[in-house]
Amino acid sequence: MPAPRPGYVLVAEKEIAARVAELGRAITRDYGETNLVLVGVLQGAIPFVADLMRALPIDLTVDFLRASSYGSGTTSSGTVHLAADLSVDIADRHVLIVDDIVDTGHTLAALKRELEARRPRSVRTCVLLDKTGRREIEVTIDYVGFTIPNVFVVGYGLDYDGLYRNLPHVATLEGI
């Protein structure tokens, strides 16, 4: 059986760029001069964090943590594993978790709980893709790029077993 390949483009590169700019304006309006801490979720959110931070003309700090609930499969296991932690203290700081996709909600909810326990001034969330049809637990998403159907997607940081993160757009995965 051939390996899964990217299929049709779900969100084009130009659409992503336009939406990131809109998100940047909204976040700038909401945070102003607060010296925001962007917390990117590795590895999938790297392109999104890079583009989003360039769209934010405010003082900010960027750090990353690594969490996973997928392993090498195409569905979430429901168990969140924190493999790498932040290097900055977020106590009394405004924090924005930036992730590539929300599926079941388990990972984002677990990360939010973990960061709130560190006593930041606030914790909000920003995701590129919201797959509402797969939600298993309630999770608040403050800034959403795009709502997508229940299909497995790759590109713009999202992968299938480490592949296809480098695509400039978001595409479905065919052959799974």
C-alpha atoms as a PDB file:
ATOM      1  CA  MET A   1       0.000   0.000   0.000  1.00  0.00           C
ATOM      2  CA  PRO A   2       1.431   3.431  -0.927  1.00  0.00           C
ATOM      3  CA  ALA A   3       2.220   5.929   1.821  1.00  0.00           C
ATOM      4  CA  PRO A   4      -0.414   8.599   2.527  1.00  0.00           C
ATOM      5  CA  ARG A   5       0.078  11.779   0.486  1.00  0.00           C
ATOM      6  CA  PRO A   6      -1.287  15.315   0.752  1.00  0.00           C
ATOM      7  CA  GLY A   7      -4.637  15.676  -0.987  1.00  0.00           C
ATOM      8  CA  TYR A   8      -6.676  18.771  -1.730  1.00  0.00           C
ATOM      9  CA  VAL A   9      -5.775  22.161  -0.273  1.00  0.00           C
ATOM     10  CA  LEU A  10      -8.139  22.981   2.573  1.00  0.00           C
ATOM     11  CA  VAL A  11      -6.617  26.365   3.524  1.00  0.00           C
ATOM     12  CA  ALA A  12      -4.438  28.155   0.974  1.00  0.00           C
ATOM     13  CA  GLU A  13      -1.211  29.987   1.799  1.00  0.00           C
ATOM     14  CA  LYS A  14      -2.780  33.408   1.055  1.00  0.00           C
ATOM     15  CA  GLU A  15      -5.761  32.640   3.294  1.00  0.00           C
ATOM     16  CA  ILE A  16      -3.400  31.716   6.143  1.00  0.00           C
ATOM     17  CA  ALA A  17      -1.392  34.930   5.721  1.00  0.00           C
ATOM     18  CA  ALA A  18      -4.529  37.086   5.721  1.00  0.00           C
ATOM     19  CA  ARG A  19      -5.981  35.373   8.785  1.00  0.00           C
ATOM     20  CA  VAL A  20      -2.697  35.569  10.727  1.00  0.00           C
ATOM     21  CA  ALA A  21      -2.644  39.325  10.058  1.00  0.00           C
ATOM     22  CA  GLU A  22      -6.229  39.604  11.366  1.00  0.00           C
ATOM     23  CA  LEU A  23      -5.348  37.589  14.470  1.00  0.00           C
ATOM     24  CA  GLY A  24      -2.320  39.821  15.008  1.00  0.00           C
ATOM     25  CA  ARG A  25      -4.511  42.925  14.971  1.00  0.00           C
ATOM     26  CA  ALA A  26      -7.004  41.403  17.428  1.00  0.00           C
ATOM     27  CA  ILE A  27      -4.283  40.215  19.821  1.00  0.00           C
ATOM     28  CA  THR A  28      -2.503  43.591  19.642  1.00  0.00           C
ATOM     29  CA  ARG A  29      -5.779  45.365  20.423  1.00  0.00           C
ATOM     30  CA  ASP A  30      -6.470  43.061  23.397  1.00  0.00           C
ATOM     31  CA  TYR A  31      -2.987  43.067  24.935  1.00  0.00           C
ATOM     32  CA  GLY A  32      -1.559  46.467  24.038  1.00  0.00           C
ATOM     33  CA  GLU A  33       1.541  47.176  26.117  1.00  0.00           C
ATOM     34  CA  THR A  34       1.515  44.111  28.389  1.00  0.00           C
ATOM     35  CA  ASN A  35       4.728  42.294  27.283  1.00  0.00           C
ATOM     36  CA  LEU A  36       2.867  39.176  26.327  1.00  0.00           C
ATOM     37  CA  VAL A  37       4.395  35.681  26.549  1.00  0.00           C
ATOM     38  CA  LEU A  38       3.639  33.584  23.469  1.00  0.00           C
ATOM     39  CA  VAL A  39       3.874  29.890  24.348  1.00  0.00           C
ATOM     40  CA  GLY A  40       4.172  27.852  21.176  1.00  0.00           C
ATOM     41  CA  VAL A  41       3.391  24.151  21.215  1.00  0.00           C
ATOM     42  CA  LEU A  42       6.129  22.194  19.459  1.00  0.00           C
ATOM     43  CA  GLN A  43       6.529  21.116  16.769  1.00  0.00           C
ATOM     44  CA  GLY A  44       3.420  21.804  14.776  1.00  0.00           C
ATOM     45  CA  ALA A  45       2.932  25.432  15.799  1.00  0.00           C
ATOM     46  CA  ILE A  46       6.385  26.642  14.698  1.00  0.00           C
ATOM     47  CA  PRO A  47       5.300  28.272  11.384  1.00  0.00           C
ATOM     48  CA  PHE A  48       2.183  29.738  13.002  1.00  0.00           C
ATOM     49  CA  VAL A  49       4.138  31.181  15.951  1.00  0.00           C
ATOM     50  CA  ALA A  50       6.767  32.644  13.609  1.00  0.00           C
ATOM     51  CA  ASP A  51       4.180  34.347  11.399  1.00  0.00           C
ATOM     52  CA  LEU A  52       2.000  35.445  14.326  1.00  0.00           C
ATOM     53  CA  MET A  53       4.845  37.042  16.290  1.00  0.00           C
ATOM     54  CA  ARG A  54       5.816  39.059  13.204  1.00  0.00           C
ATOM     55  CA  ALA A  55       2.185  40.268  13.036  1.00  0.00           C
ATOM     56  CA  LEU A  56       2.354  41.564  16.627  1.00  0.00           C
ATOM     57  CA  PRO A  57       3.907  45.050  16.895  1.00  0.00           C
ATOM     58  CA  ILE A  58       4.009  44.792  20.707  1.00  0.00           C
ATOM     59  CA  ASP A  59       6.613  43.803  23.272  1.00  0.00           C
ATOM     60  CA  LEU A  60       6.557  40.051  23.681  1.00  0.00           C
ATOM     61  CA  THR A  61       8.519  37.023  24.773  1.00  0.00           C
ATOM     62  CA  VAL A  62       8.381  33.739  22.875  1.00  0.00           C
ATOM     63  CA  ASP A  63       8.965  30.329  24.414  1.00  0.00           C
ATOM     64  CA  PHE A  64       7.991  26.782  23.530  1.00  0.00           C
ATOM     65  CA  LEU A  65       6.892  23.597  25.190  1.00  0.00           C
ATOM     66  CA  ARG A  66       6.369  20.181  23.695  1.00  0.00           C
ATOM     67  CA  ALA A  67       3.194  18.207  24.220  1.00  0.00           C
ATOM     68  CA  SER A  68       1.785  15.291  22.304  1.00  0.00           C
ATOM     69  CA  SER A  69      -1.257  13.066  22.246  1.00  0.00           C
ATOM     70  CA  TYR A  70      -0.841  11.575  18.745  1.00  0.00           C
ATOM     71  CA  GLY A  71       2.397   9.587  18.620  1.00  0.00           C
ATOM     72  CA  SER A  72       2.684   8.295  15.050  1.00  0.00           C
ATOM     73  CA  GLY A  73      -1.045   7.730  14.521  1.00  0.00           C
ATOM     74  CA  THR A  74      -3.777   9.822  12.977  1.00  0.00           C
ATOM     75  CA  THR A  75      -6.079  10.038  16.011  1.00  0.00           C
ATOM     76  CA  SER A  76      -5.480  11.485  19.446  1.00  0.00           C
ATOM     77  CA  SER A  77      -4.781   8.980  22.211  1.00  0.00           C
ATOM     78  CA  GLY A  78      -6.462  11.262  24.749  1.00  0.00           C
ATOM     79  CA  THR A  79      -3.364  11.124  26.959  1.00  0.00           C
ATOM     80  CA  VAL A  80      -1.216  14.269  26.968  1.00  0.00           C
ATOM     81  CA  HIS A  81       2.525  13.902  27.413  1.00  0.00           C
ATOM     82  CA  LEU A  82       4.635  16.999  28.266  1.00  0.00           C
ATOM     83  CA  ALA A  83       8.079  16.274  26.843  1.00  0.00           C
ATOM     84  CA  ALA A  84       9.720  19.734  27.089  1.00  0.00           C
ATOM     85  CA  ASP A  85       8.905  22.652  29.363  1.00  0.00           C
ATOM     86  CA  LEU A  86       9.202  26.427  29.223  1.00  0.00           C
ATOM     87  CA  SER A  87      12.470  28.183  29.969  1.00  0.00           C
ATOM     88  CA  VAL A  88      10.859  31.437  31.184  1.00  0.00           C
ATOM     89  CA  ASP A  89       8.927  32.195  34.348  1.00  0.00           C
ATOM     90  CA  ILE A  90       5.341  33.120  33.489  1.00  0.00           C
ATOM     91  CA  ALA A  91       4.240  34.150  36.997  1.00  0.00           C
ATOM     92  CA  ASP A  92       2.300  37.435  36.887  1.00  0.00           C
ATOM     93  CA  ARG A  93       2.601  37.588  33.069  1.00  0.00           C
ATOM     94  CA  HIS A  94      -0.067  37.466  30.376  1.00  0.00           C
ATOM     95  CA  VAL A  95       0.295  34.189  28.474  1.00  0.00           C
ATOM     96  CA  LEU A  96      -1.050  33.214  25.068  1.00  0.00           C
ATOM     97  CA  ILE A  97      -0.823  29.517  24.182  1.00  0.00           C
ATOM     98  CA  VAL A  98      -0.347  29.212  20.409  1.00  0.00           C
ATOM     99  CA  ASP A  99      -1.094  25.818  18.873  1.00  0.00           C
ATOM    100  CA  ASP A 100      -1.593  24.465  15.382  1.00  0.00           C
ATOM    101  CA  ILE A 101      -4.837  22.524  15.880  1.00  0.00           C
ATOM    102  CA  VAL A 102      -7.464  21.648  18.468  1.00  0.00           C
ATOM    103  CA  ASP A 103      -9.008  18.254  17.957  1.00  0.00           C
ATOM    104  CA  THR A 104     -10.405  16.462  21.027  1.00  0.00           C
ATOM    105  CA  GLY A 105      -9.465  19.375  23.291  1.00  0.00           C
ATOM    106  CA  HIS A 106      -7.462  17.229  25.721  1.00  0.00           C
ATOM    107  CA  THR A 107      -4.028  18.666  24.898  1.00  0.00           C
ATOM    108  CA  LEU A 108      -5.056  22.312  25.009  1.00  0.00           C
ATOM    109  CA  ALA A 109      -7.064  21.852  28.217  1.00  0.00           C
ATOM    110  CA  ALA A 110      -4.144  20.057  29.900  1.00  0.00           C
ATOM    111  CA  LEU A 111      -1.673  22.741  28.824  1.00  0.00           C
ATOM    112  CA  LYS A 112      -3.949  25.505  30.036  1.00  0.00           C
ATOM    113  CA  ARG A 113      -4.327  23.820  33.450  1.00  0.00           C
ATOM    114  CA  GLU A 114      -0.568  23.306  33.678  1.00  0.00           C
ATOM    115  CA  LEU A 115       0.225  26.937  32.875  1.00  0.00           C
ATOM    116  CA  GLU A 116      -2.534  28.365  35.089  1.00  0.00           C
ATOM    117  CA  ALA A 117      -0.970  26.510  38.035  1.00  0.00           C
ATOM    118  CA  ARG A 118       2.125  28.698  37.575  1.00  0.00           C
ATOM    119  CA  ARG A 119       0.150  31.810  38.559  1.00  0.00           C
ATOM    120  CA  PRO A 120       0.257  33.918  35.399  1.00  0.00           C
ATOM    121  CA  ARG A 121      -1.827  37.079  35.225  1.00  0.00           C
ATOM    122  CA  SER A 122      -3.907  35.450  32.458  1.00  0.00           C
ATOM    123  CA  VAL A 123      -3.851  32.476  30.075  1.00  0.00           C
ATOM    124  CA  ARG A 124      -5.595  32.642  26.724  1.00  0.00           C
ATOM    125  CA  THR A 125      -5.422  30.421  23.664  1.00  0.00           C
ATOM    126  CA  CYS A 126      -4.871  30.926  19.954  1.00  0.00           C
ATOM    127  CA  VAL A 127      -5.120  28.091  17.440  1.00  0.00           C
ATOM    128  CA  LEU A 128      -4.750  28.019  13.707  1.00  0.00           C
ATOM    129  CA  LEU A 129      -7.258  25.200  13.156  1.00  0.00           C
ATOM    130  CA  ASP A 130     -10.286  24.186  15.214  1.00  0.00           C
ATOM    131  CA  LYS A 131     -11.712  20.764  14.442  1.00  0.00           C
ATOM    132  CA  THR A 132     -14.967  21.169  16.395  1.00  0.00           C
ATOM    133  CA  GLY A 133     -16.451  17.888  15.179  1.00  0.00           C
ATOM    134  CA  ARG A 134     -13.904  15.873  17.199  1.00  0.00           C
ATOM    135  CA  ARG A 135     -14.232  17.754  20.503  1.00  0.00           C
ATOM    136  CA  GLU A 136     -14.457  15.446  23.528  1.00  0.00           C
ATOM    137  CA  ILE A 137     -14.048  18.024  26.286  1.00  0.00           C
ATOM    138  CA  GLU A 138     -15.014  21.672  26.571  1.00  0.00           C
ATOM    139  CA  VAL A 139     -12.112  24.032  25.985  1.00  0.00           C
ATOM    140  CA  THR A 140     -12.202  27.787  25.441  1.00  0.00           C
ATOM    141  CA  ILE A 141     -10.347  29.045  22.391  1.00  0.00           C
ATOM    142  CA  ASP A 142      -9.921  32.800  22.443  1.00  0.00           C
ATOM    143  CA  TYR A 143      -8.523  33.267  18.934  1.00  0.00           C
ATOM    144  CA  VAL A 144      -9.320  30.844  16.080  1.00  0.00           C
ATOM    145  CA  GLY A 145      -7.801  30.929  12.620  1.00  0.00           C
ATOM    146  CA  PHE A 146     -10.094  28.510  10.807  1.00  0.00           C
ATOM    147  CA  THR A 147     -12.740  25.951  11.727  1.00  0.00           C
ATOM    148  CA  ILE A 148     -12.253  22.791   9.686  1.00  0.00           C
ATOM    149  CA  PRO A 149     -14.178  19.554   9.144  1.00  0.00           C
ATOM    150  CA  ASN A 150     -13.210  16.228  10.709  1.00  0.00           C
ATOM    151  CA  VAL A 151     -10.425  15.314   8.274  1.00  0.00           C
ATOM    152  CA  PHE A 152      -6.757  14.621   8.940  1.00  0.00           C
ATOM    153  CA  VAL A 153      -4.685  17.555   7.714  1.00  0.00           C
ATOM    154  CA  VAL A 154      -1.017  18.247   7.020  1.00  0.00           C
ATOM    155  CA  GLY A 155       1.050  21.279   6.103  1.00  0.00           C
ATOM    156  CA  TYR A 156       1.958  24.621   7.672  1.00  0.00           C
ATOM    157  CA  GLY A 157       3.518  22.746  10.599  1.00  0.00           C
ATOM    158  CA  LEU A 158       1.072  19.856  10.822  1.00  0.00           C
ATOM    159  CA  ASP A 159       2.501  16.454  10.019  1.00  0.00           C
ATOM    160  CA  TYR A 160       1.846  12.818   9.372  1.00  0.00           C
ATOM    161  CA  ASP A 161       4.564  10.775  11.070  1.00  0.00           C
ATOM    162  CA  GLY A 162       6.997  13.694  10.717  1.00  0.00           C
ATOM    163  CA  LEU A 163       6.210  14.412   7.055  1.00  0.00           C
ATOM    164  CA  TYR A 164       4.628  17.375   5.259  1.00  0.00           C
ATOM    165  CA  ARG A 165       5.212  20.078   7.921  1.00  0.00           C
ATOM    166  CA  ASN A 166       6.943  22.180   5.246  1.00  0.00           C
ATOM    167  CA  LEU A 167       3.904  22.647   2.986  1.00  0.00           C
ATOM    168  CA  PRO A 168       2.929  26.355   2.815  1.00  0.00           C
ATOM    169  CA  HIS A 169      -0.777  25.502   3.014  1.00  0.00           C
ATOM    170  CA  VAL A 170      -3.048  23.096   4.912  1.00  0.00           C
ATOM    171  CA  ALA A 171      -4.125  20.018   2.936  1.00  0.00           C
ATOM    172  CA  THR A 172      -6.060  16.848   3.607  1.00  0.00           C
ATOM    173  CA  LEU A 173      -4.153  13.576   3.870  1.00  0.00           C
ATOM    174  CA  GLU A 174      -5.165  11.005   1.278  1.00  0.00           C
ATOM    175  CA  GLY A 175      -4.665   7.259   1.559  1.00  0.00           C
ATOM    176  CA  ILE A 176      -5.181   6.746   5.287  1.00  0.00           C
END
